[in-house]
Amino acid sequence: MDIMLDIETLATSPDAVVLTFGAIKFNPFSPIIQLSDGIYFRIDVDEQIALGRRVDEGTVDWWGTQSAEVREEALGETDRVSIEDFTKALNKFVVGATRIWAQGPVFDIVILENLYRQIGKPAPWQYYTIRDSRTLLKALGDDRQGGALLHNALADAVSQAGAVQGAVARHKLVEL
């Protein structure tokens, strides 16, 4: 079982405030994705700011260019969970994962590992399980056409996992 994850943030540095997190379990060698195999969190922003995590004015300005629906989902105050609750749930979710995918691990994975380090916990994956869907899709072709829920962490994770499945199927890959 593989996991595709995605985050939305308030900066692009390793110490960025994480707004939302989405992840989906999937099999890259099967065309099926079950939305029930996903998790989604809106993480407490104030708690992260109190820890000294970064908010970048340029990123905040960029969020201002997004649709009202996308902005509200990412920036809204309701249903935020503590860092502790988020990390406990993520730790449980990744148990048994063979590979952890991200659309550019130097963003998502680095920021998440920085958050874990800052709160004194180890990341719930090993470095050798990390895979980069951006590189795979650049090499093998990405047939996605975009989507209405762009910049929703769970929708992006599902889309990215589906793109990996499509590339694997088109090229009849047997190992990743």
N, C-alpha and C. Protein backbone atom coordinates (compact mmCIF):
# COMPACT_ATOMS: atom_id res chain seq x y z
N MET A 1 0.84 -1.18 0.00
CA MET A 1 0.00 0.00 0.00
C MET A 1 0.89 1.24 0.00
N ASP A 2 0.57 2.17 -0.88
CA ASP A 2 1.29 3.43 -0.99
C ASP A 2 0.40 4.55 -0.46
N ILE A 3 1.02 5.66 -0.15
CA ILE A 3 0.28 6.85 0.31
C ILE A 3 0.75 8.05 -0.50
N MET A 4 -0.21 8.79 -1.02
CA MET A 4 0.08 10.07 -1.65
C MET A 4 -0.37 11.14 -0.67
N LEU A 5 0.50 12.11 -0.40
CA LEU A 5 0.12 13.18 0.52
C LEU A 5 0.31 14.53 -0.13
N ASP A 6 -0.39 15.51 0.41
CA ASP A 6 -0.30 16.87 -0.10
C ASP A 6 -0.59 17.82 1.05
N ILE A 7 0.07 18.97 1.03
CA ILE A 7 -0.19 20.00 2.03
C ILE A 7 -0.42 21.34 1.34
N GLU A 8 -1.10 22.21 2.03
CA GLU A 8 -1.23 23.61 1.64
C GLU A 8 -0.66 24.42 2.80
N THR A 9 0.07 25.49 2.48
CA THR A 9 0.84 26.21 3.49
C THR A 9 0.70 27.71 3.35
N LEU A 10 1.30 28.42 4.32
CA LEU A 10 1.35 29.88 4.30
C LEU A 10 2.74 30.42 3.98
N ALA A 11 3.64 29.55 3.54
CA ALA A 11 4.98 29.93 3.11
C ALA A 11 5.54 28.77 2.30
N THR A 12 6.72 28.95 1.74
CA THR A 12 7.34 27.88 0.98
C THR A 12 8.63 27.37 1.62
N SER A 13 8.96 27.87 2.78
CA SER A 13 10.17 27.47 3.50
C SER A 13 9.89 26.22 4.34
N PRO A 14 10.94 25.52 4.78
CA PRO A 14 10.75 24.31 5.58
C PRO A 14 9.95 24.53 6.87
N ASP A 15 9.97 25.75 7.39
CA ASP A 15 9.25 26.05 8.63
C ASP A 15 7.89 26.72 8.37
N ALA A 16 7.32 26.46 7.21
CA ALA A 16 6.03 27.06 6.84
C ALA A 16 4.90 26.57 7.73
N VAL A 17 3.94 27.46 8.00
CA VAL A 17 2.69 27.06 8.64
C VAL A 17 1.94 26.17 7.67
N VAL A 18 1.49 25.01 8.16
CA VAL A 18 0.71 24.07 7.35
C VAL A 18 -0.77 24.35 7.59
N LEU A 19 -1.46 24.73 6.53
CA LEU A 19 -2.89 25.01 6.63
C LEU A 19 -3.71 23.73 6.62
N THR A 20 -3.49 22.92 5.58
CA THR A 20 -4.26 21.69 5.42
C THR A 20 -3.35 20.56 4.98
N PHE A 21 -3.81 19.35 5.27
CA PHE A 21 -3.09 18.13 4.91
C PHE A 21 -4.11 17.14 4.38
N GLY A 22 -3.77 16.51 3.26
CA GLY A 22 -4.60 15.44 2.73
C GLY A 22 -3.72 14.29 2.29
N ALA A 23 -4.23 13.07 2.45
CA ALA A 23 -3.49 11.88 2.02
C ALA A 23 -4.49 10.80 1.64
N ILE A 24 -4.05 9.96 0.70
CA ILE A 24 -4.88 8.85 0.24
C ILE A 24 -4.02 7.61 0.12
N LYS A 25 -4.56 6.48 0.58
CA LYS A 25 -3.89 5.19 0.36
C LYS A 25 -4.27 4.71 -1.03
N PHE A 26 -3.29 4.16 -1.74
CA PHE A 26 -3.57 3.67 -3.09
C PHE A 26 -2.55 2.62 -3.49
N ASN A 27 -2.93 1.87 -4.52
CA ASN A 27 -2.04 0.89 -5.12
C ASN A 27 -1.68 1.43 -6.50
N PRO A 28 -0.42 1.76 -6.75
CA PRO A 28 -0.06 2.34 -8.04
C PRO A 28 -0.26 1.38 -9.22
N PHE A 29 -0.41 0.10 -8.92
CA PHE A 29 -0.57 -0.90 -9.98
C PHE A 29 -2.03 -1.28 -10.20
N SER A 30 -2.94 -0.54 -9.61
CA SER A 30 -4.37 -0.78 -9.74
C SER A 30 -5.05 0.54 -10.08
N PRO A 31 -6.11 0.53 -10.88
CA PRO A 31 -6.77 1.79 -11.24
C PRO A 31 -7.79 2.28 -10.20
N ILE A 32 -7.88 1.61 -9.08
CA ILE A 32 -8.94 1.93 -8.10
C ILE A 32 -8.38 2.81 -6.99
N ILE A 33 -9.13 3.85 -6.65
CA ILE A 33 -8.85 4.68 -5.47
C ILE A 33 -10.16 4.80 -4.71
N GLN A 34 -10.14 4.47 -3.44
CA GLN A 34 -11.31 4.60 -2.58
C GLN A 34 -11.15 5.86 -1.74
N LEU A 35 -12.07 6.81 -1.89
CA LEU A 35 -11.98 8.04 -1.11
C LEU A 35 -12.06 7.75 0.39
N SER A 36 -12.65 6.63 0.76
CA SER A 36 -12.72 6.26 2.18
C SER A 36 -11.34 5.92 2.72
N ASP A 37 -10.36 5.75 1.85
CA ASP A 37 -8.98 5.46 2.26
C ASP A 37 -8.16 6.73 2.43
N GLY A 38 -8.83 7.87 2.58
CA GLY A 38 -8.12 9.13 2.70
C GLY A 38 -8.33 9.78 4.07
N ILE A 39 -7.45 10.72 4.36
CA ILE A 39 -7.60 11.55 5.56
C ILE A 39 -7.39 13.01 5.15
N TYR A 40 -7.98 13.89 5.91
CA TYR A 40 -7.87 15.32 5.62
C TYR A 40 -7.92 16.07 6.94
N PHE A 41 -7.01 17.02 7.11
CA PHE A 41 -6.97 17.82 8.33
C PHE A 41 -6.77 19.29 8.00
N ARG A 42 -7.43 20.13 8.76
CA ARG A 42 -7.16 21.56 8.78
C ARG A 42 -6.45 21.79 10.12
N ILE A 43 -5.20 22.21 10.06
CA ILE A 43 -4.34 22.23 11.25
C ILE A 43 -4.34 23.62 11.87
N ASP A 44 -4.31 23.67 13.20
CA ASP A 44 -4.36 24.91 13.97
C ASP A 44 -3.22 25.84 13.56
N VAL A 45 -3.57 26.98 13.01
CA VAL A 45 -2.59 27.95 12.53
C VAL A 45 -1.97 28.71 13.70
N ASP A 46 -2.79 29.15 14.65
CA ASP A 46 -2.28 29.93 15.79
C ASP A 46 -1.24 29.14 16.59
N GLU A 47 -1.48 27.86 16.77
CA GLU A 47 -0.53 27.01 17.49
C GLU A 47 0.82 26.97 16.76
N GLN A 48 0.78 26.90 15.44
CA GLN A 48 2.02 26.87 14.67
C GLN A 48 2.74 28.22 14.71
N ILE A 49 1.99 29.30 14.64
CA ILE A 49 2.60 30.63 14.72
C ILE A 49 3.27 30.81 16.08
N ALA A 50 2.63 30.31 17.14
CA ALA A 50 3.20 30.39 18.48
C ALA A 50 4.52 29.61 18.56
N LEU A 51 4.67 28.59 17.74
CA LEU A 51 5.92 27.82 17.69
C LEU A 51 6.99 28.53 16.86
N GLY A 52 6.60 29.62 16.18
CA GLY A 52 7.55 30.36 15.36
C GLY A 52 7.58 29.92 13.91
N ARG A 53 6.57 29.15 13.49
CA ARG A 53 6.53 28.74 12.08
C ARG A 53 6.20 29.94 11.20
N ARG A 54 6.62 29.89 9.97
CA ARG A 54 6.63 31.04 9.08
C ARG A 54 5.33 31.25 8.31
N VAL A 55 4.97 32.53 8.21
CA VAL A 55 3.92 33.01 7.31
C VAL A 55 4.60 34.01 6.37
N ASP A 56 4.53 33.75 5.08
CA ASP A 56 5.18 34.59 4.08
C ASP A 56 4.13 35.48 3.42
N GLU A 57 4.38 36.77 3.40
CA GLU A 57 3.44 37.74 2.83
C GLU A 57 3.11 37.44 1.37
N GLY A 58 4.11 37.02 0.60
CA GLY A 58 3.87 36.69 -0.80
C GLY A 58 2.93 35.51 -0.97
N THR A 59 3.07 34.51 -0.09
CA THR A 59 2.18 33.35 -0.14
C THR A 59 0.77 33.75 0.27
N VAL A 60 0.64 34.58 1.29
CA VAL A 60 -0.67 35.08 1.70
C VAL A 60 -1.31 35.85 0.55
N ASP A 61 -0.54 36.68 -0.13
CA ASP A 61 -1.05 37.40 -1.30
C ASP A 61 -1.51 36.43 -2.38
N TRP A 62 -0.73 35.38 -2.60
CA TRP A 62 -1.11 34.38 -3.60
C TRP A 62 -2.46 33.73 -3.25
N TRP A 63 -2.64 33.40 -1.95
CA TRP A 63 -3.93 32.83 -1.54
C TRP A 63 -5.07 33.79 -1.87
N GLY A 64 -4.80 35.08 -1.80
CA GLY A 64 -5.81 36.07 -2.13
C GLY A 64 -6.26 36.03 -3.58
N THR A 65 -5.47 35.42 -4.45
CA THR A 65 -5.84 35.32 -5.87
C THR A 65 -6.67 34.07 -6.17
N GLN A 66 -6.83 33.21 -5.19
CA GLN A 66 -7.59 31.98 -5.38
C GLN A 66 -9.09 32.24 -5.21
N SER A 67 -9.91 31.31 -5.66
CA SER A 67 -11.36 31.47 -5.54
C SER A 67 -11.76 31.54 -4.07
N ALA A 68 -12.91 32.15 -3.82
CA ALA A 68 -13.41 32.29 -2.45
C ALA A 68 -13.56 30.93 -1.79
N GLU A 69 -14.03 29.94 -2.53
CA GLU A 69 -14.22 28.59 -1.98
C GLU A 69 -12.89 27.98 -1.56
N VAL A 70 -11.89 28.10 -2.41
CA VAL A 70 -10.57 27.56 -2.11
C VAL A 70 -9.95 28.29 -0.92
N ARG A 71 -10.07 29.61 -0.90
CA ARG A 71 -9.53 30.41 0.22
C ARG A 71 -10.19 30.01 1.53
N GLU A 72 -11.51 29.89 1.54
CA GLU A 72 -12.23 29.55 2.77
C GLU A 72 -11.82 28.18 3.28
N GLU A 73 -11.70 27.22 2.38
CA GLU A 73 -11.30 25.87 2.81
C GLU A 73 -9.91 25.88 3.42
N ALA A 74 -8.99 26.59 2.80
CA ALA A 74 -7.60 26.61 3.29
C ALA A 74 -7.42 27.50 4.51
N LEU A 75 -8.08 28.66 4.51
CA LEU A 75 -7.80 29.68 5.52
C LEU A 75 -8.87 29.81 6.61
N GLY A 76 -10.03 29.20 6.43
CA GLY A 76 -11.11 29.32 7.40
C GLY A 76 -10.71 28.84 8.79
N GLU A 77 -11.35 29.38 9.78
CA GLU A 77 -10.99 29.10 11.17
C GLU A 77 -11.62 27.82 11.74
N THR A 78 -12.70 27.34 11.15
CA THR A 78 -13.44 26.23 11.77
C THR A 78 -12.77 24.89 11.52
N ASP A 79 -13.04 23.97 12.44
CA ASP A 79 -12.62 22.57 12.34
C ASP A 79 -11.10 22.39 12.27
N ARG A 80 -10.36 23.23 12.93
CA ARG A 80 -8.90 23.08 13.00
C ARG A 80 -8.56 22.08 14.10
N VAL A 81 -7.54 21.26 13.87
CA VAL A 81 -7.08 20.29 14.86
C VAL A 81 -5.71 20.70 15.37
N SER A 82 -5.40 20.27 16.57
CA SER A 82 -4.09 20.57 17.14
C SER A 82 -3.00 19.81 16.40
N ILE A 83 -1.79 20.29 16.53
CA ILE A 83 -0.64 19.59 15.94
C ILE A 83 -0.55 18.18 16.52
N GLU A 84 -0.79 18.06 17.80
CA GLU A 84 -0.73 16.74 18.47
C GLU A 84 -1.73 15.77 17.86
N ASP A 85 -2.98 16.20 17.69
CA ASP A 85 -3.99 15.32 17.11
C ASP A 85 -3.66 14.98 15.66
N PHE A 86 -3.18 15.95 14.91
CA PHE A 86 -2.80 15.72 13.52
C PHE A 86 -1.68 14.69 13.43
N THR A 87 -0.60 14.87 14.19
CA THR A 87 0.54 13.96 14.07
C THR A 87 0.19 12.55 14.55
N LYS A 88 -0.62 12.44 15.59
CA LYS A 88 -1.06 11.11 16.04
C LYS A 88 -1.84 10.40 14.93
N ALA A 89 -2.75 11.12 14.30
CA ALA A 89 -3.55 10.51 13.23
C ALA A 89 -2.68 10.15 12.02
N LEU A 90 -1.75 11.03 11.65
CA LEU A 90 -0.87 10.74 10.52
C LEU A 90 0.02 9.54 10.83
N ASN A 91 0.57 9.48 12.03
CA ASN A 91 1.40 8.34 12.41
C ASN A 91 0.64 7.03 12.24
N LYS A 92 -0.59 7.01 12.70
CA LYS A 92 -1.42 5.81 12.59
C LYS A 92 -1.73 5.49 11.13
N PHE A 93 -2.02 6.52 10.33
CA PHE A 93 -2.40 6.35 8.94
C PHE A 93 -1.29 5.71 8.11
N VAL A 94 -0.04 6.05 8.36
CA VAL A 94 1.06 5.57 7.51
C VAL A 94 1.60 4.19 7.92
N VAL A 95 1.10 3.63 9.00
CA VAL A 95 1.58 2.30 9.41
C VAL A 95 1.35 1.31 8.27
N GLY A 96 2.40 0.61 7.90
CA GLY A 96 2.31 -0.40 6.86
C GLY A 96 2.52 0.11 5.44
N ALA A 97 2.73 1.41 5.28
CA ALA A 97 2.93 1.97 3.94
C ALA A 97 4.27 1.54 3.37
N THR A 98 4.26 1.15 2.11
CA THR A 98 5.48 0.76 1.41
C THR A 98 6.22 1.98 0.88
N ARG A 99 5.45 2.91 0.31
CA ARG A 99 6.02 4.12 -0.27
C ARG A 99 5.16 5.32 0.12
N ILE A 100 5.82 6.46 0.35
CA ILE A 100 5.15 7.72 0.64
C ILE A 100 5.45 8.64 -0.54
N TRP A 101 4.40 9.05 -1.24
CA TRP A 101 4.53 9.89 -2.43
C TRP A 101 4.14 11.33 -2.12
N ALA A 102 4.80 12.25 -2.81
CA ALA A 102 4.42 13.66 -2.77
C ALA A 102 4.75 14.26 -4.12
N GLN A 103 4.02 15.30 -4.48
CA GLN A 103 4.27 16.01 -5.75
C GLN A 103 5.39 17.01 -5.46
N GLY A 104 6.59 16.46 -5.33
CA GLY A 104 7.74 17.28 -4.97
C GLY A 104 8.04 17.13 -3.49
N PRO A 105 8.70 16.04 -3.07
CA PRO A 105 8.98 15.81 -1.65
C PRO A 105 9.78 16.92 -0.98
N VAL A 106 10.56 17.68 -1.78
CA VAL A 106 11.35 18.75 -1.15
C VAL A 106 10.46 19.86 -0.65
N PHE A 107 9.19 19.81 -0.94
CA PHE A 107 8.24 20.75 -0.36
C PHE A 107 7.46 20.05 0.75
N ASP A 108 6.54 19.19 0.40
CA ASP A 108 5.64 18.57 1.37
C ASP A 108 6.38 17.80 2.47
N ILE A 109 7.25 16.90 2.07
CA ILE A 109 7.95 16.05 3.05
C ILE A 109 8.87 16.89 3.92
N VAL A 110 9.62 17.80 3.32
CA VAL A 110 10.55 18.63 4.09
C VAL A 110 9.79 19.47 5.13
N ILE A 111 8.68 20.05 4.74
CA ILE A 111 7.90 20.87 5.68
C ILE A 111 7.32 20.02 6.80
N LEU A 112 6.78 18.85 6.45
CA LEU A 112 6.23 17.97 7.49
C LEU A 112 7.32 17.46 8.43
N GLU A 113 8.46 17.07 7.87
CA GLU A 113 9.56 16.60 8.72
C GLU A 113 10.06 17.72 9.63
N ASN A 114 10.09 18.95 9.14
CA ASN A 114 10.48 20.09 9.96
C ASN A 114 9.50 20.28 11.11
N LEU A 115 8.21 20.16 10.83
CA LEU A 115 7.19 20.28 11.88
C LEU A 115 7.37 19.19 12.93
N TYR A 116 7.55 17.97 12.50
CA TYR A 116 7.79 16.87 13.45
C TYR A 116 9.03 17.15 14.30
N ARG A 117 10.13 17.56 13.65
CA ARG A 117 11.36 17.85 14.38
C ARG A 117 11.13 18.96 15.41
N GLN A 118 10.37 19.97 15.01
CA GLN A 118 10.13 21.10 15.90
C GLN A 118 9.36 20.69 17.16
N ILE A 119 8.49 19.70 17.04
CA ILE A 119 7.73 19.25 18.22
C ILE A 119 8.39 18.05 18.90
N GLY A 120 9.59 17.69 18.44
CA GLY A 120 10.37 16.65 19.11
C GLY A 120 9.91 15.23 18.82
N LYS A 121 9.34 15.01 17.65
CA LYS A 121 8.89 13.67 17.27
C LYS A 121 9.57 13.25 15.97
N PRO A 122 9.80 11.95 15.81
CA PRO A 122 10.34 11.49 14.52
C PRO A 122 9.22 11.44 13.48
N ALA A 123 9.58 11.71 12.23
CA ALA A 123 8.62 11.58 11.13
C ALA A 123 8.20 10.12 11.05
N PRO A 124 6.98 9.85 10.62
CA PRO A 124 6.47 8.47 10.63
C PRO A 124 6.84 7.65 9.38
N TRP A 125 7.90 8.02 8.69
CA TRP A 125 8.35 7.27 7.52
C TRP A 125 9.86 7.28 7.50
N GLN A 126 10.43 6.40 6.70
CA GLN A 126 11.87 6.33 6.51
C GLN A 126 12.23 7.03 5.20
N TYR A 127 13.39 7.60 5.13
CA TYR A 127 13.82 8.36 3.95
C TYR A 127 13.72 7.54 2.67
N TYR A 128 13.98 6.24 2.75
CA TYR A 128 14.00 5.41 1.55
C TYR A 128 12.60 5.03 1.05
N THR A 129 11.56 5.42 1.76
CA THR A 129 10.20 5.14 1.29
C THR A 129 9.63 6.30 0.48
N ILE A 130 10.32 7.42 0.44
CA ILE A 130 9.81 8.63 -0.22
C ILE A 130 9.93 8.51 -1.74
N ARG A 131 8.83 8.87 -2.42
CA ARG A 131 8.80 8.88 -3.89
C ARG A 131 8.29 10.24 -4.37
N ASP A 132 8.74 10.65 -5.56
CA ASP A 132 8.39 11.94 -6.13
C ASP A 132 7.50 11.75 -7.35
N SER A 133 6.22 12.06 -7.22
CA SER A 133 5.30 11.90 -8.34
C SER A 133 5.58 12.92 -9.44
N ARG A 134 6.07 14.10 -9.10
CA ARG A 134 6.35 15.11 -10.13
C ARG A 134 7.39 14.59 -11.13
N THR A 135 8.45 14.00 -10.63
CA THR A 135 9.49 13.47 -11.50
C THR A 135 8.96 12.31 -12.33
N LEU A 136 8.23 11.39 -11.70
CA LEU A 136 7.66 10.26 -12.43
C LEU A 136 6.75 10.74 -13.55
N LEU A 137 5.87 11.69 -13.24
CA LEU A 137 4.91 12.17 -14.22
C LEU A 137 5.57 13.00 -15.32
N LYS A 138 6.62 13.71 -14.98
CA LYS A 138 7.37 14.46 -16.00
C LYS A 138 8.01 13.48 -17.00
N ALA A 139 8.53 12.38 -16.48
CA ALA A 139 9.20 11.40 -17.33
C ALA A 139 8.22 10.55 -18.14
N LEU A 140 7.08 10.20 -17.52
CA LEU A 140 6.16 9.25 -18.16
C LEU A 140 4.89 9.88 -18.72
N GLY A 141 4.67 11.14 -18.42
CA GLY A 141 3.48 11.81 -18.93
C GLY A 141 2.38 11.89 -17.88
N ASP A 142 1.79 13.04 -17.81
CA ASP A 142 0.71 13.32 -16.85
C ASP A 142 -0.53 13.66 -17.67
N ASP A 143 -1.54 12.80 -17.60
CA ASP A 143 -2.73 13.00 -18.43
C ASP A 143 -3.87 13.73 -17.71
N ARG A 144 -3.58 14.32 -16.56
CA ARG A 144 -4.64 15.06 -15.85
C ARG A 144 -4.99 16.33 -16.60
N GLN A 145 -6.24 16.73 -16.48
CA GLN A 145 -6.74 17.93 -17.14
C GLN A 145 -7.00 19.07 -16.16
N GLY A 146 -6.54 18.96 -14.92
CA GLY A 146 -6.84 19.98 -13.91
C GLY A 146 -8.10 19.58 -13.16
N GLY A 147 -8.58 20.44 -12.30
CA GLY A 147 -9.77 20.11 -11.54
C GLY A 147 -10.29 21.30 -10.77
N ALA A 148 -11.55 21.23 -10.41
CA ALA A 148 -12.22 22.34 -9.72
C ALA A 148 -11.72 22.52 -8.30
N LEU A 149 -11.18 21.46 -7.69
CA LEU A 149 -10.77 21.54 -6.30
C LEU A 149 -9.26 21.75 -6.14
N LEU A 150 -8.64 22.37 -7.13
CA LEU A 150 -7.21 22.64 -7.07
C LEU A 150 -6.88 23.38 -5.76
N HIS A 151 -5.83 22.95 -5.12
CA HIS A 151 -5.35 23.50 -3.85
C HIS A 151 -6.21 23.09 -2.67
N ASN A 152 -6.93 22.00 -2.81
CA ASN A 152 -7.52 21.29 -1.68
C ASN A 152 -6.60 20.10 -1.48
N ALA A 153 -5.98 19.97 -0.31
CA ALA A 153 -4.93 18.98 -0.10
C ALA A 153 -5.39 17.56 -0.40
N LEU A 154 -6.61 17.18 0.01
CA LEU A 154 -7.07 15.81 -0.26
C LEU A 154 -7.37 15.62 -1.74
N ALA A 155 -8.05 16.57 -2.36
CA ALA A 155 -8.36 16.46 -3.80
C ALA A 155 -7.07 16.39 -4.61
N ASP A 156 -6.07 17.19 -4.24
CA ASP A 156 -4.79 17.15 -4.94
C ASP A 156 -4.11 15.79 -4.76
N ALA A 157 -4.14 15.24 -3.54
CA ALA A 157 -3.53 13.92 -3.29
C ALA A 157 -4.21 12.84 -4.13
N VAL A 158 -5.54 12.88 -4.20
CA VAL A 158 -6.28 11.90 -5.00
C VAL A 158 -5.91 12.05 -6.48
N SER A 159 -5.88 13.26 -6.97
CA SER A 159 -5.53 13.51 -8.37
C SER A 159 -4.11 13.03 -8.68
N GLN A 160 -3.18 13.31 -7.80
CA GLN A 160 -1.79 12.91 -8.00
C GLN A 160 -1.66 11.39 -7.96
N ALA A 161 -2.36 10.73 -7.04
CA ALA A 161 -2.32 9.26 -6.96
C ALA A 161 -2.88 8.67 -8.25
N GLY A 162 -3.99 9.22 -8.74
CA GLY A 162 -4.57 8.74 -9.99
C GLY A 162 -3.64 8.93 -11.17
N ALA A 163 -2.92 10.04 -11.19
CA ALA A 163 -1.96 10.29 -12.27
C ALA A 163 -0.83 9.28 -12.23
N VAL A 164 -0.35 8.93 -11.03
CA VAL A 164 0.69 7.90 -10.90
C VAL A 164 0.15 6.58 -11.42
N GLN A 165 -1.07 6.22 -11.01
CA GLN A 165 -1.67 4.97 -11.49
C GLN A 165 -1.76 4.96 -13.02
N GLY A 166 -2.18 6.07 -13.60
CA GLY A 166 -2.29 6.15 -15.06
C GLY A 166 -0.95 5.99 -15.75
N ALA A 167 0.07 6.65 -15.23
CA ALA A 167 1.41 6.55 -15.83
C ALA A 167 1.95 5.13 -15.71
N VAL A 168 1.76 4.50 -14.56
CA VAL A 168 2.21 3.13 -14.34
C VAL A 168 1.51 2.19 -15.33
N ALA A 169 0.20 2.34 -15.49
CA ALA A 169 -0.56 1.48 -16.40
C ALA A 169 -0.14 1.69 -17.85
N ARG A 170 -0.01 2.95 -18.27
CA ARG A 170 0.36 3.24 -19.66
C ARG A 170 1.72 2.66 -20.02
N HIS A 171 2.62 2.64 -19.06
CA HIS A 171 3.98 2.18 -19.34
C HIS A 171 4.24 0.76 -18.81
N LYS A 172 3.19 0.14 -18.29
CA LYS A 172 3.27 -1.25 -17.81
C LYS A 172 4.44 -1.47 -16.85
N LEU A 173 4.60 -0.52 -15.94
CA LEU A 173 5.68 -0.64 -14.95
C LEU A 173 5.34 -1.75 -13.96
N VAL A 174 6.36 -2.43 -13.50
CA VAL A 174 6.17 -3.49 -12.51
C VAL A 174 6.86 -3.18 -11.19
N GLU A 175 7.67 -2.12 -11.15
CA GLU A 175 8.37 -1.72 -9.93
C GLU A 175 8.54 -0.22 -9.90
N LEU A 176 8.47 0.34 -8.71
CA LEU A 176 8.68 1.78 -8.52
C LEU A 176 9.75 2.03 -7.49
